[in-house]
Amino acid sequence: WDYSSRWFQDRVHLETIQTTWVVPVDLNCILYRVEEHLEHWHESFGNSEAFSRYRAAKDSRAAAMEAVLWSEEHQQWKDYDLWSMSQSKIISASNFIPLWALPLSPNRAAAAIHALEHSGLLLPGGVATTLLETKQQWDFPNAWSPIVWFLVDGLWRVESDTSTALGDQLAQQWIDANLVAFQNTQQMHEKLDATVLGKVGGGGEYVQQVGFGWTNGCILDLIHRLHCS
């Protein structure tokens, strides 16, 4: 997740970027899952000291995320901005990646899913990264495969009727969007425009890239799990 209003102190201009002054929701989710995997691996290897260390690290991180990043007002997790010592006001798809990472009570998961459904991020062509249009590629209106995958996998992990239905919907929508983009351009793209099904994304510091590894992997996984499992 590179240039984005999430990192800009004024939320608009690249020259105000302050990445080391932001405690990001998504990075902490990834680190939590890393610690969880290491805990399980060391348990299976019989390494009791390392097992205990990673279990403690994982549990400590989950408690910190609950204390610092969870917003009771907005029923979602928020980046924490160290320059203001407060939660970010940015509405971002990353706010909901804890659905993928954390063990959640049914009530907490349901509240976060309700917030996601009413966030404004779920659009006809995918899940927008944020609601701010800054011309940066990790802001509105772009949608990216890794973010869609995190959300879909997280919704499926919750295993409620609502979460499964929304996960299925977002997975099929992303498959369809990439199919339309491929039919129109004969290419797989790094990002799409979430406002129109199959429209290629734009913005950022370089020409739109095609190929494209994580898009291909995401689509293959979603097709397999949605239609072949």
Protein backbone atom coordinates (compact mmCIF):
# COMPACT_ATOMS: atom_id res chain seq x y z
CA TRP A 1 0.00 0.00 0.00
CA ASP A 2 2.07 2.95 -1.22
CA TYR A 3 1.15 6.59 -1.90
CA SER A 4 -2.22 7.34 -0.31
CA SER A 5 -4.07 9.91 1.77
CA ARG A 6 -3.59 7.49 4.67
CA TRP A 7 0.01 8.69 4.98
CA PHE A 8 -0.45 12.39 4.13
CA GLN A 9 -0.60 14.73 7.08
CA ASP A 10 -2.88 17.11 5.15
CA ARG A 11 -4.66 14.18 3.41
CA VAL A 12 -4.06 15.74 -0.01
CA HIS A 13 -0.44 16.48 -0.89
CA LEU A 14 2.34 13.94 -1.39
CA GLU A 15 4.93 16.28 0.10
CA THR A 16 3.22 15.95 3.52
CA ILE A 17 3.78 12.19 3.62
CA GLN A 18 4.56 10.88 7.13
CA THR A 19 4.52 7.07 6.93
CA THR A 20 6.54 6.54 10.12
CA TRP A 21 3.98 8.60 12.04
CA VAL A 22 1.09 6.25 11.26
CA VAL A 23 0.23 3.00 13.06
CA PRO A 24 -1.51 1.11 10.24
CA VAL A 25 -4.36 -1.34 10.75
CA ASP A 26 -3.36 -3.62 7.87
CA LEU A 27 0.33 -3.92 8.81
CA ASN A 28 -0.64 -4.95 12.33
CA CYS A 29 -3.05 -7.52 10.91
CA ILE A 30 -0.28 -9.06 8.81
CA LEU A 31 2.12 -9.09 11.77
CA TYR A 32 -0.55 -10.71 13.94
CA ARG A 33 -1.01 -13.52 11.41
CA VAL A 34 2.79 -13.96 11.13
CA GLU A 35 3.04 -14.28 14.91
CA GLU A 36 0.10 -16.69 14.94
CA HIS A 37 1.72 -18.91 12.29
CA LEU A 38 5.06 -18.87 14.13
CA GLU A 39 3.27 -19.81 17.35
CA HIS A 40 1.67 -22.82 15.66
CA TRP A 41 4.87 -23.88 13.89
CA HIS A 42 6.97 -23.78 17.04
CA GLU A 43 4.28 -25.70 18.91
CA SER A 44 4.38 -28.44 16.27
CA PHE A 45 8.20 -28.51 16.41
CA GLY A 46 8.15 -28.79 20.21
CA ASN A 47 9.97 -25.47 20.70
CA SER A 48 8.19 -24.46 23.89
CA GLU A 49 10.18 -21.26 24.53
CA ALA A 50 9.59 -19.86 21.02
CA PHE A 51 5.97 -21.04 21.11
CA SER A 52 5.34 -19.09 24.31
CA ARG A 53 7.16 -16.03 22.97
CA TYR A 54 5.08 -15.82 19.79
CA ARG A 55 1.83 -16.57 21.60
CA ALA A 56 2.54 -13.67 23.97
CA ALA A 57 3.48 -11.38 21.06
CA LYS A 58 0.30 -12.27 19.17
CA ASP A 59 -1.93 -11.78 22.21
CA SER A 60 -0.23 -8.50 23.09
CA ARG A 61 -0.73 -7.19 19.56
CA ALA A 62 -4.41 -8.15 19.55
CA ALA A 63 -4.92 -6.33 22.87
CA ALA A 64 -3.12 -3.24 21.57
CA MET A 65 -5.21 -3.22 18.39
CA GLU A 66 -8.35 -3.43 20.48
CA ALA A 67 -7.22 -0.58 22.74
CA VAL A 68 -5.76 1.76 20.12
CA LEU A 69 -7.21 0.96 16.69
CA TRP A 70 -10.81 -0.14 17.33
CA SER A 71 -13.33 2.71 17.02
CA GLU A 72 -16.45 2.08 19.03
CA GLU A 73 -18.05 5.12 17.41
CA HIS A 74 -17.52 3.88 13.85
CA GLN A 75 -17.55 0.13 14.55
CA GLN A 76 -14.36 -0.47 12.61
CA TRP A 77 -10.60 -0.27 13.12
CA LYS A 78 -8.73 2.93 12.33
CA ASP A 79 -5.12 3.86 11.65
CA TYR A 80 -3.59 5.81 14.52
CA ASP A 81 -1.88 9.09 13.62
CA LEU A 82 1.01 9.87 15.94
CA TRP A 83 1.17 13.53 14.83
CA SER A 84 -2.28 14.12 16.38
CA MET A 85 -2.26 11.20 18.86
CA SER A 86 -5.69 10.21 17.59
CA GLN A 87 -7.38 7.79 15.23
CA SER A 88 -7.39 8.71 11.56
CA LYS A 89 -10.62 10.01 10.05
CA ILE A 90 -9.85 8.26 6.75
CA ILE A 91 -12.43 5.72 5.60
CA SER A 92 -10.31 2.99 4.06
CA ALA A 93 -10.73 -0.63 3.01
CA SER A 94 -7.80 -1.38 5.32
CA ASN A 95 -10.06 -0.55 8.27
CA PHE A 96 -11.79 -3.90 7.77
CA ILE A 97 -8.80 -6.22 7.24
CA PRO A 98 -9.00 -7.37 10.90
CA LEU A 99 -11.93 -9.50 9.69
CA TRP A 100 -9.19 -11.58 8.05
CA ALA A 101 -6.71 -11.49 10.90
CA LEU A 102 -8.26 -11.38 14.34
CA PRO A 103 -10.42 -13.80 16.34
CA LEU A 104 -13.65 -11.85 16.68
CA SER A 105 -16.81 -12.39 18.65
CA PRO A 106 -19.96 -12.81 16.51
CA ASN A 107 -21.21 -9.40 17.67
CA ARG A 108 -17.95 -7.62 16.85
CA ALA A 109 -17.74 -9.25 13.42
CA ALA A 110 -21.37 -8.41 12.64
CA ALA A 111 -20.86 -4.77 13.66
CA ALA A 112 -17.75 -4.41 11.48
CA ILE A 113 -19.47 -6.05 8.50
CA HIS A 114 -22.43 -3.69 8.89
CA ALA A 115 -19.98 -0.77 8.93
CA LEU A 116 -18.27 -2.09 5.79
CA GLU A 117 -21.61 -2.40 3.99
CA HIS A 118 -22.42 1.25 4.82
CA SER A 119 -18.90 2.65 4.36
CA GLY A 120 -19.30 3.87 0.77
CA LEU A 121 -16.32 1.71 -0.26
CA LEU A 122 -18.37 -1.04 -1.93
CA LEU A 123 -18.92 0.15 -5.49
CA PRO A 124 -20.14 -1.37 -8.80
CA GLY A 125 -16.62 -2.28 -9.94
CA GLY A 126 -14.97 -3.36 -6.70
CA VAL A 127 -13.91 -2.12 -3.27
CA ALA A 128 -12.39 1.37 -3.31
CA THR A 129 -9.20 1.81 -1.31
CA THR A 130 -10.39 5.05 0.33
CA LEU A 131 -13.09 7.67 -0.21
CA LEU A 132 -10.61 10.48 -0.93
CA GLU A 133 -9.70 11.25 -4.54
CA THR A 134 -6.12 12.53 -4.48
CA LYS A 135 -4.83 11.20 -7.85
CA GLN A 136 -2.67 8.77 -5.86
CA GLN A 137 -3.08 5.16 -6.91
CA TRP A 138 -4.00 3.83 -3.46
CA ASP A 139 -6.91 6.24 -3.10
CA PHE A 140 -10.37 6.55 -4.61
CA PRO A 141 -11.49 5.29 -7.08
CA ASN A 142 -8.92 2.51 -7.42
CA ALA A 143 -9.50 -1.07 -6.30
CA TRP A 144 -6.67 -3.57 -5.82
CA SER A 145 -6.71 -7.36 -5.80
CA PRO A 146 -4.82 -7.87 -2.49
CA ILE A 147 -7.29 -5.68 -0.63
CA VAL A 148 -10.30 -7.41 -2.19
CA TRP A 149 -8.77 -10.78 -1.34
CA PHE A 150 -8.16 -9.84 2.31
CA LEU A 151 -11.78 -8.71 2.68
CA VAL A 152 -13.32 -11.68 0.89
CA ASP A 153 -11.21 -14.18 2.82
CA GLY A 154 -12.03 -12.38 6.05
CA LEU A 155 -15.75 -12.42 5.34
CA TRP A 156 -15.61 -16.13 4.57
CA ARG A 157 -13.66 -16.78 7.79
CA VAL A 158 -16.45 -15.22 9.88
CA GLU A 159 -18.84 -17.91 8.59
CA SER A 160 -22.14 -16.15 9.25
CA ASP A 161 -24.90 -16.08 6.64
CA THR A 162 -24.36 -12.34 6.14
CA SER A 163 -20.59 -12.55 5.89
CA THR A 164 -20.64 -15.52 3.53
CA ALA A 165 -23.16 -13.84 1.23
CA LEU A 166 -21.18 -10.59 1.14
CA GLY A 167 -17.92 -12.47 0.58
CA ASP A 168 -19.48 -14.40 -2.31
CA GLN A 169 -20.83 -11.15 -3.77
CA LEU A 170 -17.51 -9.30 -3.61
CA ALA A 171 -15.60 -12.31 -4.96
CA GLN A 172 -17.90 -12.70 -7.97
CA GLN A 173 -17.92 -8.97 -8.60
CA TRP A 174 -14.10 -8.89 -8.67
CA ILE A 175 -13.94 -11.89 -10.98
CA ASP A 176 -16.44 -10.19 -13.31
CA ALA A 177 -14.62 -6.85 -13.21
CA ASN A 178 -11.31 -8.43 -14.19
CA LEU A 179 -12.98 -10.50 -16.91
CA VAL A 180 -14.52 -7.37 -18.45
CA ALA A 181 -11.17 -5.55 -18.24
CA PHE A 182 -9.44 -8.49 -19.91
CA GLN A 183 -12.06 -8.71 -22.66
CA ASN A 184 -11.67 -4.98 -23.33
CA THR A 185 -7.86 -4.81 -23.25
CA GLN A 186 -6.53 -8.38 -23.55
CA GLN A 187 -4.54 -7.73 -20.36
CA MET A 188 -4.77 -8.37 -16.64
CA HIS A 189 -4.23 -5.14 -14.70
CA GLU A 190 -2.66 -4.22 -11.38
CA LYS A 191 -5.68 -2.12 -10.36
CA LEU A 192 -9.17 -1.23 -11.57
CA ASP A 193 -11.53 1.70 -11.13
CA ALA A 194 -14.15 0.66 -8.57
CA THR A 195 -16.81 3.00 -9.92
CA VAL A 196 -17.30 1.13 -13.23
CA LEU A 197 -17.19 -2.65 -13.74
CA GLY A 198 -14.02 -3.52 -15.64
CA LYS A 199 -12.66 0.01 -16.02
CA VAL A 200 -8.87 0.20 -15.74
CA GLY A 201 -7.52 2.18 -12.78
CA GLY A 202 -5.24 5.19 -12.96
CA GLY A 203 -3.26 7.77 -11.03
CA GLY A 204 -0.02 7.33 -9.18
CA GLU A 205 3.64 7.76 -9.99
CA TYR A 206 3.99 5.48 -13.02
CA VAL A 207 2.15 4.06 -16.02
CA GLN A 208 -0.50 1.43 -15.25
CA GLN A 209 1.15 -1.99 -15.10
CA VAL A 210 -0.20 -5.13 -16.75
CA GLY A 211 0.58 -8.77 -16.29
CA PHE A 212 -0.13 -8.97 -13.33
CA GLY A 213 0.99 -11.34 -10.60
CA TRP A 214 -1.25 -10.59 -7.64
CA THR A 215 -4.30 -9.98 -9.83
CA ASN A 216 -3.82 -13.34 -11.53
CA GLY A 217 -3.30 -15.12 -8.23
CA CYS A 218 -6.28 -13.46 -6.57
CA ILE A 219 -8.65 -14.24 -9.44
CA LEU A 220 -7.52 -17.86 -9.70
CA ASP A 221 -7.98 -18.34 -5.95
CA LEU A 222 -11.43 -16.72 -5.92
CA ILE A 223 -12.61 -18.77 -8.91
CA HIS A 224 -11.35 -21.97 -7.29
CA ARG A 225 -12.91 -21.31 -3.91
CA LEU A 226 -16.18 -19.87 -5.18
CA HIS A 227 -16.85 -22.25 -8.06
CA CYS A 228 -14.64 -25.35 -7.69
CA SER A 229 -14.58 -26.15 -3.97
